[in-house]
Structures are given as structure tokens and as C-alpha cells.
């Protein structure tokens, strides 16, 4: 299992929301084609064909758990990352 697959699994499983590193969540969004714009400590991600905007901020070196959940729900809704059967 590659690092990207492991990271995707960790985000999608829902049991590790408070243990996802902020840099890893950013990396996952960028791998799946999201573009980033930074305003202060807000990292705002958009992607063509997706109406929602993802706005994430770090909590130390970790991602905020509710923002990991938002990313997970977005991946499920738009069937990103091979999550068609979820």
C-alpha cells in the first residue's frame, strides 16, 4: 500500500480524524487535483466541477478533525479516490 493509499484510507475510515497531519491533508487534496489559495492561515481549496470550497486551517501540526470529516464527505459525494462503493 502506497503512502497516498494509506493516507486516503486514514481519512476515509473516520477513526483517525484527530491524528491526520495538516501537511498530509493538504497533500491529499493536491494529489486529487484541488488548487490552493492561501489567506493568512486559511488554506482554501477549489476544483473544477466541484461546487464546494474546502477551507482548512492547522491546529498545531495536525488538521482539525471536523475539517478532515468535511474532506471525507466531499470525497464520498464526488466519488474521488475510488470511493464509488462507499
PDB file of N, CA and C in Angstrom:
ATOM      1  N   UNK A   1       0.854  -1.168   0.000  1.00  0.00           N
ATOM      2  CA  UNK A   1       0.000   0.000   0.000  1.00  0.00           C
ATOM      3  C   UNK A   1       0.905   1.237   0.000  1.00  0.00           C
ATOM      4  N   UNK A   2       0.673   2.134  -0.958  1.00  0.00           N
ATOM      5  CA  UNK A   2       1.490   3.341  -1.052  1.00  0.00           C
ATOM      6  C   UNK A   2       1.118   4.327   0.056  1.00  0.00           C
ATOM      7  N   UNK A   3       1.941   5.339   0.242  1.00  0.00           N
ATOM      8  CA  UNK A   3       1.667   6.347   1.267  1.00  0.00           C
ATOM      9  C   UNK A   3       0.368   7.090   0.960  1.00  0.00           C
ATOM     10  N   UNK A   4       0.122   7.359  -0.326  1.00  0.00           N
ATOM     11  CA  UNK A   4      -1.114   8.047  -0.708  1.00  0.00           C
ATOM     12  C   UNK A   4      -2.326   7.181  -0.404  1.00  0.00           C
ATOM     13  N   UNK A   5      -2.251   5.885  -0.700  1.00  0.00           N
ATOM     14  CA  UNK A   5      -3.364   4.989  -0.407  1.00  0.00           C
ATOM     15  C   UNK A   5      -3.604   4.885   1.097  1.00  0.00           C
ATOM     16  N   UNK A   6      -2.531   4.833   1.881  1.00  0.00           N
ATOM     17  CA  UNK A   6      -2.664   4.763   3.333  1.00  0.00           C
ATOM     18  C   UNK A   6      -3.297   6.044   3.882  1.00  0.00           C
ATOM     19  N   UNK A   7      -2.861   7.178   3.369  1.00  0.00           N
ATOM     20  CA  UNK A   7      -3.418   8.456   3.805  1.00  0.00           C
ATOM     21  C   UNK A   7      -4.896   8.547   3.431  1.00  0.00           C
ATOM     22  N   UNK A   8      -5.242   8.142   2.218  1.00  0.00           N
ATOM     23  CA  UNK A   8      -6.643   8.144   1.795  1.00  0.00           C
ATOM     24  C   UNK A   8      -7.459   7.225   2.693  1.00  0.00           C
ATOM     25  N   UNK A   9      -6.929   6.053   3.010  1.00  0.00           N
ATOM     26  CA  UNK A   9      -7.633   5.126   3.893  1.00  0.00           C
ATOM     27  C   UNK A   9      -7.852   5.743   5.273  1.00  0.00           C
ATOM     28  N   UNK A  10      -6.808   6.386   5.809  1.00  0.00           N
ATOM     29  CA  UNK A  10      -6.917   7.004   7.136  1.00  0.00           C
ATOM     30  C   UNK A  10      -7.979   8.097   7.160  1.00  0.00           C
ATOM     31  N   UNK A  11      -8.053   8.892   6.103  1.00  0.00           N
ATOM     32  CA  UNK A  11      -9.066   9.952   6.034  1.00  0.00           C
ATOM     33  C   UNK A  11     -10.453   9.343   5.865  1.00  0.00           C
ATOM     34  N   UNK A  12     -10.568   8.335   5.017  1.00  0.00           N
ATOM     35  CA  UNK A  12     -11.881   7.777   4.702  1.00  0.00           C
ATOM     36  C   UNK A  12     -12.434   6.874   5.791  1.00  0.00           C
ATOM     37  N   UNK A  13     -11.576   6.285   6.629  1.00  0.00           N
ATOM     38  CA  UNK A  13     -12.086   5.359   7.647  1.00  0.00           C
ATOM     39  C   UNK A  13     -12.844   6.081   8.757  1.00  0.00           C
ATOM     40  N   UNK A  14     -12.481   7.327   9.054  1.00  0.00           N
ATOM     41  CA  UNK A  14     -13.206   8.102  10.054  1.00  0.00           C
ATOM     42  C   UNK A  14     -12.787   7.866  11.487  1.00  0.00           C
ATOM     43  N   UNK A  15     -11.839   6.984  11.727  1.00  0.00           N
ATOM     44  CA  UNK A  15     -11.402   6.689  13.090  1.00  0.00           C
ATOM     45  C   UNK A  15     -10.178   7.485  13.506  1.00  0.00           C
ATOM     46  N   UNK A  16      -9.522   8.141  12.559  1.00  0.00           N
ATOM     47  CA  UNK A  16      -8.266   8.830  12.848  1.00  0.00           C
ATOM     48  C   UNK A  16      -8.351  10.329  12.576  1.00  0.00           C
ATOM     49  N   UNK A  17      -9.540  10.897  12.614  1.00  0.00           N
ATOM     50  CA  UNK A  17      -9.709  12.302  12.241  1.00  0.00           C
ATOM     51  C   UNK A  17      -8.823  13.244  13.044  1.00  0.00           C
ATOM     52  N   UNK A  18      -8.595  12.957  14.308  1.00  0.00           N
ATOM     53  CA  UNK A  18      -7.786  13.852  15.139  1.00  0.00           C
ATOM     54  C   UNK A  18      -6.292  13.566  15.017  1.00  0.00           C
ATOM     55  N   UNK A  19      -5.906  12.575  14.227  1.00  0.00           N
ATOM     56  CA  UNK A  19      -4.494  12.225  14.070  1.00  0.00           C
ATOM     57  C   UNK A  19      -3.989  12.368  12.641  1.00  0.00           C
ATOM     58  N   UNK A  20      -4.657  13.168  11.831  1.00  0.00           N
ATOM     59  CA  UNK A  20      -4.217  13.412  10.462  1.00  0.00           C
ATOM     60  C   UNK A  20      -3.369  14.676  10.461  1.00  0.00           C
ATOM     61  N   UNK A  21      -2.160  14.568   9.940  1.00  0.00           N
ATOM     62  CA  UNK A  21      -1.301  15.740   9.857  1.00  0.00           C
ATOM     63  C   UNK A  21      -1.838  16.719   8.818  1.00  0.00           C
ATOM     64  N   UNK A  22      -1.711  18.004   9.133  1.00  0.00           N
ATOM     65  CA  UNK A  22      -2.198  19.051   8.240  1.00  0.00           C
ATOM     66  C   UNK A  22      -1.510  18.970   6.875  1.00  0.00           C
ATOM     67  N   UNK A  23      -0.207  18.779   6.877  1.00  0.00           N
ATOM     68  CA  UNK A  23       0.542  18.686   5.615  1.00  0.00           C
ATOM     69  C   UNK A  23       0.051  17.503   4.778  1.00  0.00           C
ATOM     70  N   UNK A  24      -0.299  16.395   5.437  1.00  0.00           N
ATOM     71  CA  UNK A  24      -0.799  15.223   4.713  1.00  0.00           C
ATOM     72  C   UNK A  24      -2.166  15.488   4.096  1.00  0.00           C
ATOM     73  N   UNK A  25      -3.037  16.202   4.818  1.00  0.00           N
ATOM     74  CA  UNK A  25      -4.351  16.525   4.266  1.00  0.00           C
ATOM     75  C   UNK A  25      -4.206  17.445   3.062  1.00  0.00           C
ATOM     76  N   UNK A  26      -3.301  18.404   3.154  1.00  0.00           N
ATOM     77  CA  UNK A  26      -3.029  19.297   2.017  1.00  0.00           C
ATOM     78  C   UNK A  26      -2.515  18.486   0.825  1.00  0.00           C
ATOM     79  N   UNK A  27      -1.591  17.563   1.091  1.00  0.00           N
ATOM     80  CA  UNK A  27      -1.013  16.728   0.033  1.00  0.00           C
ATOM     81  C   UNK A  27      -2.103  15.908  -0.664  1.00  0.00           C
ATOM     82  N   UNK A  28      -3.017  15.330   0.133  1.00  0.00           N
ATOM     83  CA  UNK A  28      -4.093  14.522  -0.434  1.00  0.00           C
ATOM     84  C   UNK A  28      -4.987  15.357  -1.355  1.00  0.00           C
ATOM     85  N   UNK A  29      -5.356  16.548  -0.916  1.00  0.00           N
ATOM     86  CA  UNK A  29      -6.187  17.413  -1.739  1.00  0.00           C
ATOM     87  C   UNK A  29      -5.473  17.788  -3.035  1.00  0.00           C
ATOM     88  N   UNK A  30      -4.194  18.074  -2.961  1.00  0.00           N
ATOM     89  CA  UNK A  30      -3.436  18.454  -4.158  1.00  0.00           C
ATOM     90  C   UNK A  30      -3.256  17.272  -5.107  1.00  0.00           C
ATOM     91  N   UNK A  31      -3.086  16.069  -4.578  1.00  0.00           N
ATOM     92  CA  UNK A  31      -2.965  14.880  -5.423  1.00  0.00           C
ATOM     93  C   UNK A  31      -4.233  14.675  -6.246  1.00  0.00           C
ATOM     94  N   UNK A  32      -5.396  14.973  -5.647  1.00  0.00           N
ATOM     95  CA  UNK A  32      -6.662  14.784  -6.340  1.00  0.00           C
ATOM     96  C   UNK A  32      -7.118  16.009  -7.117  1.00  0.00           C
ATOM     97  N   UNK A  33      -6.193  16.910  -7.409  1.00  0.00           N
ATOM     98  CA  UNK A  33      -6.450  17.973  -8.365  1.00  0.00           C
ATOM     99  C   UNK A  33      -7.024  19.264  -7.815  1.00  0.00           C
ATOM    100  N   UNK A  34      -7.042  19.429  -6.519  1.00  0.00           N
ATOM    101  CA  UNK A  34      -7.533  20.669  -5.933  1.00  0.00           C
ATOM    102  C   UNK A  34      -6.440  21.723  -6.019  1.00  0.00           C
ATOM    103  N   UNK A  35      -6.833  22.965  -6.282  1.00  0.00           N
ATOM    104  CA  UNK A  35      -5.870  24.057  -6.273  1.00  0.00           C
ATOM    105  C   UNK A  35      -6.054  24.867  -4.997  1.00  0.00           C
ATOM    106  N   UNK A  36      -4.960  25.397  -4.507  1.00  0.00           N
ATOM    107  CA  UNK A  36      -4.945  26.059  -3.205  1.00  0.00           C
ATOM    108  C   UNK A  36      -4.694  27.552  -3.354  1.00  0.00           C
ATOM    109  N   UNK A  37      -5.372  28.294  -2.501  1.00  0.00           N
ATOM    110  CA  UNK A  37      -5.103  29.721  -2.356  1.00  0.00           C
ATOM    111  C   UNK A  37      -4.995  29.941  -0.860  1.00  0.00           C
ATOM    112  N   UNK A  38      -4.000  30.706  -0.447  1.00  0.00           N
ATOM    113  CA  UNK A  38      -3.729  30.890   0.981  1.00  0.00           C
ATOM    114  C   UNK A  38      -4.024  32.327   1.372  1.00  0.00           C
ATOM    115  N   UNK A  39      -4.780  32.468   2.457  1.00  0.00           N
ATOM    116  CA  UNK A  39      -5.075  33.782   3.006  1.00  0.00           C
ATOM    117  C   UNK A  39      -4.878  33.684   4.517  1.00  0.00           C
ATOM    118  N   UNK A  40      -3.750  34.196   5.000  1.00  0.00           N
ATOM    119  CA  UNK A  40      -3.406  34.039   6.409  1.00  0.00           C
ATOM    120  C   UNK A  40      -3.103  32.583   6.696  1.00  0.00           C
ATOM    121  N   UNK A  41      -3.787  32.019   7.695  1.00  0.00           N
ATOM    122  CA  UNK A  41      -3.606  30.589   7.970  1.00  0.00           C
ATOM    123  C   UNK A  41      -4.737  29.753   7.387  1.00  0.00           C
ATOM    124  N   UNK A  42      -5.531  30.342   6.501  1.00  0.00           N
ATOM    125  CA  UNK A  42      -6.614  29.625   5.828  1.00  0.00           C
ATOM    126  C   UNK A  42      -6.106  29.124   4.474  1.00  0.00           C
ATOM    127  N   UNK A  43      -6.226  27.837   4.270  1.00  0.00           N
ATOM    128  CA  UNK A  43      -5.863  27.218   3.003  1.00  0.00           C
ATOM    129  C   UNK A  43      -7.172  26.858   2.318  1.00  0.00           C
ATOM    130  N   UNK A  44      -7.463  27.531   1.211  1.00  0.00           N
ATOM    131  CA  UNK A  44      -8.758  27.415   0.546  1.00  0.00           C
ATOM    132  C   UNK A  44      -8.562  26.613  -0.737  1.00  0.00           C
ATOM    133  N   UNK A  45      -9.258  25.477  -0.813  1.00  0.00           N
ATOM    134  CA  UNK A  45      -9.105  24.556  -1.938  1.00  0.00           C
ATOM    135  C   UNK A  45     -10.357  24.544  -2.804  1.00  0.00           C
ATOM    136  N   UNK A  46     -10.130  24.601  -4.108  1.00  0.00           N
ATOM    137  CA  UNK A  46     -11.217  24.514  -5.079  1.00  0.00           C
ATOM    138  C   UNK A  46     -10.803  23.549  -6.188  1.00  0.00           C
ATOM    139  N   UNK A  47     -11.813  23.076  -6.913  1.00  0.00           N
ATOM    140  CA  UNK A  47     -11.555  22.180  -8.036  1.00  0.00           C
ATOM    141  C   UNK A  47     -12.668  22.366  -9.054  1.00  0.00           C
ATOM    142  N   UNK A  48     -12.305  22.363 -10.321  1.00  0.00           N
ATOM    143  CA  UNK A  48     -13.304  22.453 -11.388  1.00  0.00           C
ATOM    144  C   UNK A  48     -14.263  21.282 -11.291  1.00  0.00           C
ATOM    145  N   UNK A  49     -15.551  21.571 -11.427  1.00  0.00           N
ATOM    146  CA  UNK A  49     -16.569  20.534 -11.373  1.00  0.00           C
ATOM    147  C   UNK A  49     -17.086  20.258  -9.969  1.00  0.00           C
ATOM    148  N   UNK A  50     -16.505  20.894  -8.975  1.00  0.00           N
ATOM    149  CA  UNK A  50     -16.948  20.718  -7.589  1.00  0.00           C
ATOM    150  C   UNK A  50     -17.362  22.079  -7.054  1.00  0.00           C
ATOM    151  N   UNK A  51     -18.613  22.180  -6.623  1.00  0.00           N
ATOM    152  CA  UNK A  51     -19.143  23.474  -6.206  1.00  0.00           C
ATOM    153  C   UNK A  51     -18.684  23.887  -4.817  1.00  0.00           C
ATOM    154  N   UNK A  52     -18.402  22.928  -3.942  1.00  0.00           N
ATOM    155  CA  UNK A  52     -17.990  23.240  -2.589  1.00  0.00           C
ATOM    156  C   UNK A  52     -16.551  23.754  -2.549  1.00  0.00           C
ATOM    157  N   UNK A  53     -16.292  24.595  -1.568  1.00  0.00           N
ATOM    158  CA  UNK A  53     -14.952  25.092  -1.301  1.00  0.00           C
ATOM    159  C   UNK A  53     -14.517  24.492   0.029  1.00  0.00           C
ATOM    160  N   UNK A  54     -13.299  23.973   0.073  1.00  0.00           N
ATOM    161  CA  UNK A  54     -12.762  23.418   1.309  1.00  0.00           C
ATOM    162  C   UNK A  54     -11.800  24.443   1.908  1.00  0.00           C
ATOM    163  N   UNK A  55     -12.071  24.834   3.145  1.00  0.00           N
ATOM    164  CA  UNK A  55     -11.256  25.803   3.860  1.00  0.00           C
ATOM    165  C   UNK A  55     -10.682  25.096   5.086  1.00  0.00           C
ATOM    166  N   UNK A  56      -9.365  24.918   5.110  1.00  0.00           N
ATOM    167  CA  UNK A  56      -8.748  24.212   6.231  1.00  0.00           C
ATOM    168  C   UNK A  56      -7.702  25.106   6.903  1.00  0.00           C
ATOM    169  N   UNK A  57      -7.550  24.908   8.213  1.00  0.00           N
ATOM    170  CA  UNK A  57      -6.529  25.597   8.989  1.00  0.00           C
ATOM    171  C   UNK A  57      -5.836  24.568   9.871  1.00  0.00           C
ATOM    172  N   UNK A  58      -4.556  24.805  10.136  1.00  0.00           N
ATOM    173  CA  UNK A  58      -3.839  23.866  11.015  1.00  0.00           C
ATOM    174  C   UNK A  58      -4.207  24.069  12.477  1.00  0.00           C
ATOM    175  N   UNK A  59      -4.107  23.006  13.230  1.00  0.00           N
ATOM    176  CA  UNK A  59      -4.234  23.029  14.690  1.00  0.00           C
ATOM    177  C   UNK A  59      -2.924  22.439  15.202  1.00  0.00           C
ATOM    178  N   UNK A  60      -1.923  23.298  15.359  1.00  0.00           N
ATOM    179  CA  UNK A  60      -0.562  22.815  15.595  1.00  0.00           C
ATOM    180  C   UNK A  60      -0.051  22.232  14.285  1.00  0.00           C
ATOM    181  N   UNK A  61       0.376  20.981  14.314  1.00  0.00           N
ATOM    182  CA  UNK A  61       0.801  20.322  13.075  1.00  0.00           C
ATOM    183  C   UNK A  61      -0.256  19.355  12.551  1.00  0.00           C
ATOM    184  N   UNK A  62      -1.406  19.315  13.198  1.00  0.00           N
ATOM    185  CA  UNK A  62      -2.494  18.411  12.799  1.00  0.00           C
ATOM    186  C   UNK A  62      -3.612  19.191  12.102  1.00  0.00           C
ATOM    187  N   UNK A  63      -4.438  18.467  11.386  1.00  0.00           N
ATOM    188  CA  UNK A  63      -5.639  19.044  10.784  1.00  0.00           C
ATOM    189  C   UNK A  63      -6.758  18.990  11.819  1.00  0.00           C
ATOM    190  N   UNK A  64      -7.676  19.922  11.732  1.00  0.00           N
ATOM    191  CA  UNK A  64      -8.812  19.917  12.652  1.00  0.00           C
ATOM    192  C   UNK A  64      -9.731  18.756  12.283  1.00  0.00           C
ATOM    193  N   UNK A  65     -10.177  17.984  13.266  1.00  0.00           N
ATOM    194  CA  UNK A  65     -10.986  16.793  12.973  1.00  0.00           C
ATOM    195  C   UNK A  65     -12.242  17.073  12.147  1.00  0.00           C
ATOM    196  N   UNK A  66     -12.934  18.166  12.410  1.00  0.00           N
ATOM    197  CA  UNK A  66     -14.149  18.433  11.638  1.00  0.00           C
ATOM    198  C   UNK A  66     -13.822  18.768  10.187  1.00  0.00           C
ATOM    199  N   UNK A  67     -12.635  19.292   9.934  1.00  0.00           N
ATOM    200  CA  UNK A  67     -12.252  19.583   8.553  1.00  0.00           C
ATOM    201  C   UNK A  67     -11.849  18.310   7.813  1.00  0.00           C
ATOM    202  N   UNK A  68     -11.267  17.349   8.519  1.00  0.00           N
ATOM    203  CA  UNK A  68     -10.990  16.043   7.912  1.00  0.00           C
ATOM    204  C   UNK A  68     -12.315  15.404   7.506  1.00  0.00           C
ATOM    205  N   UNK A  69     -13.320  15.525   8.362  1.00  0.00           N
ATOM    206  CA  UNK A  69     -14.648  14.978   8.054  1.00  0.00           C
ATOM    207  C   UNK A  69     -15.249  15.667   6.829  1.00  0.00           C
ATOM    208  N   UNK A  70     -15.062  16.972   6.699  1.00  0.00           N
ATOM    209  CA  UNK A  70     -15.562  17.697   5.529  1.00  0.00           C
ATOM    210  C   UNK A  70     -14.898  17.185   4.255  1.00  0.00           C
ATOM    211  N   UNK A  71     -13.593  16.943   4.313  1.00  0.00           N
ATOM    212  CA  UNK A  71     -12.877  16.416   3.150  1.00  0.00           C
ATOM    213  C   UNK A  71     -13.399  15.021   2.816  1.00  0.00           C
ATOM    214  N   UNK A  72     -13.582  14.175   3.841  1.00  0.00           N
ATOM    215  CA  UNK A  72     -14.107  12.824   3.630  1.00  0.00           C
ATOM    216  C   UNK A  72     -15.482  12.873   2.956  1.00  0.00           C
ATOM    217  N   UNK A  73     -16.371  13.722   3.458  1.00  0.00           N
ATOM    218  CA  UNK A  73     -17.712  13.827   2.879  1.00  0.00           C
ATOM    219  C   UNK A  73     -17.671  14.328   1.441  1.00  0.00           C
ATOM    220  N   UNK A  74     -16.742  15.210   1.136  1.00  0.00           N
ATOM    221  CA  UNK A  74     -16.582  15.702  -0.229  1.00  0.00           C
ATOM    222  C   UNK A  74     -16.101  14.582  -1.149  1.00  0.00           C
ATOM    223  N   UNK A  75     -15.145  13.787  -0.675  1.00  0.00           N
ATOM    224  CA  UNK A  75     -14.636  12.670  -1.477  1.00  0.00           C
ATOM    225  C   UNK A  75     -15.749  11.648  -1.729  1.00  0.00           C
ATOM    226  N   UNK A  76     -16.577  11.413  -0.738  1.00  0.00           N
ATOM    227  CA  UNK A  76     -17.680  10.466  -0.913  1.00  0.00           C
ATOM    228  C   UNK A  76     -18.703  11.032  -1.889  1.00  0.00           C
ATOM    229  N   UNK A  77     -19.089  12.285  -1.714  1.00  0.00           N
ATOM    230  CA  UNK A  77     -20.114  12.901  -2.562  1.00  0.00           C
ATOM    231  C   UNK A  77     -19.713  12.906  -4.028  1.00  0.00           C
ATOM    232  N   UNK A  78     -18.453  13.227  -4.300  1.00  0.00           N
ATOM    233  CA  UNK A  78     -17.992  13.334  -5.693  1.00  0.00           C
ATOM    234  C   UNK A  78     -17.232  12.096  -6.158  1.00  0.00           C
ATOM    235  N   UNK A  79     -17.236  11.053  -5.364  1.00  0.00           N
ATOM    236  CA  UNK A  79     -16.623   9.771  -5.706  1.00  0.00           C
ATOM    237  C   UNK A  79     -15.166   9.922  -6.124  1.00  0.00           C
ATOM    238  N   UNK A  80     -14.423  10.643  -5.303  1.00  0.00           N
ATOM    239  CA  UNK A  80     -12.993  10.824  -5.548  1.00  0.00           C
ATOM    240  C   UNK A  80     -12.226   9.719  -4.837  1.00  0.00           C
ATOM    241  N   UNK A  81     -11.090   9.365  -5.377  1.00  0.00           N
ATOM    242  CA  UNK A  81     -10.227   8.398  -4.715  1.00  0.00           C
ATOM    243  C   UNK A  81     -10.735   6.977  -4.774  1.00  0.00           C
ATOM    244  N   UNK A  82     -11.560   6.660  -5.752  1.00  0.00           N
ATOM    245  CA  UNK A  82     -12.061   5.299  -5.876  1.00  0.00           C
ATOM    246  C   UNK A  82     -13.081   4.929  -4.827  1.00  0.00           C
ATOM    247  N   UNK A  83     -13.805   5.910  -4.307  1.00  0.00           N
ATOM    248  CA  UNK A  83     -14.748   5.657  -3.225  1.00  0.00           C
ATOM    249  C   UNK A  83     -16.173   5.491  -3.751  1.00  0.00           C
ATOM    250  N   UNK A  84     -16.350   4.883  -4.892  1.00  0.00           N
ATOM    251  CA  UNK A  84     -17.665   4.730  -5.507  1.00  0.00           C
ATOM    252  C   UNK A  84     -18.586   3.822  -4.727  1.00  0.00           C
ATOM    253  N   UNK A  85     -18.038   2.856  -4.002  1.00  0.00           N
ATOM    254  CA  UNK A  85     -18.855   1.883  -3.291  1.00  0.00           C
ATOM    255  C   UNK A  85     -19.147   2.256  -1.847  1.00  0.00           C
ATOM    256  N   UNK A  86     -18.672   3.421  -1.412  1.00  0.00           N
ATOM    257  CA  UNK A  86     -18.873   3.826  -0.007  1.00  0.00           C
ATOM    258  C   UNK A  86     -20.281   4.374   0.162  1.00  0.00           C
TER     259      UNK A  86
END
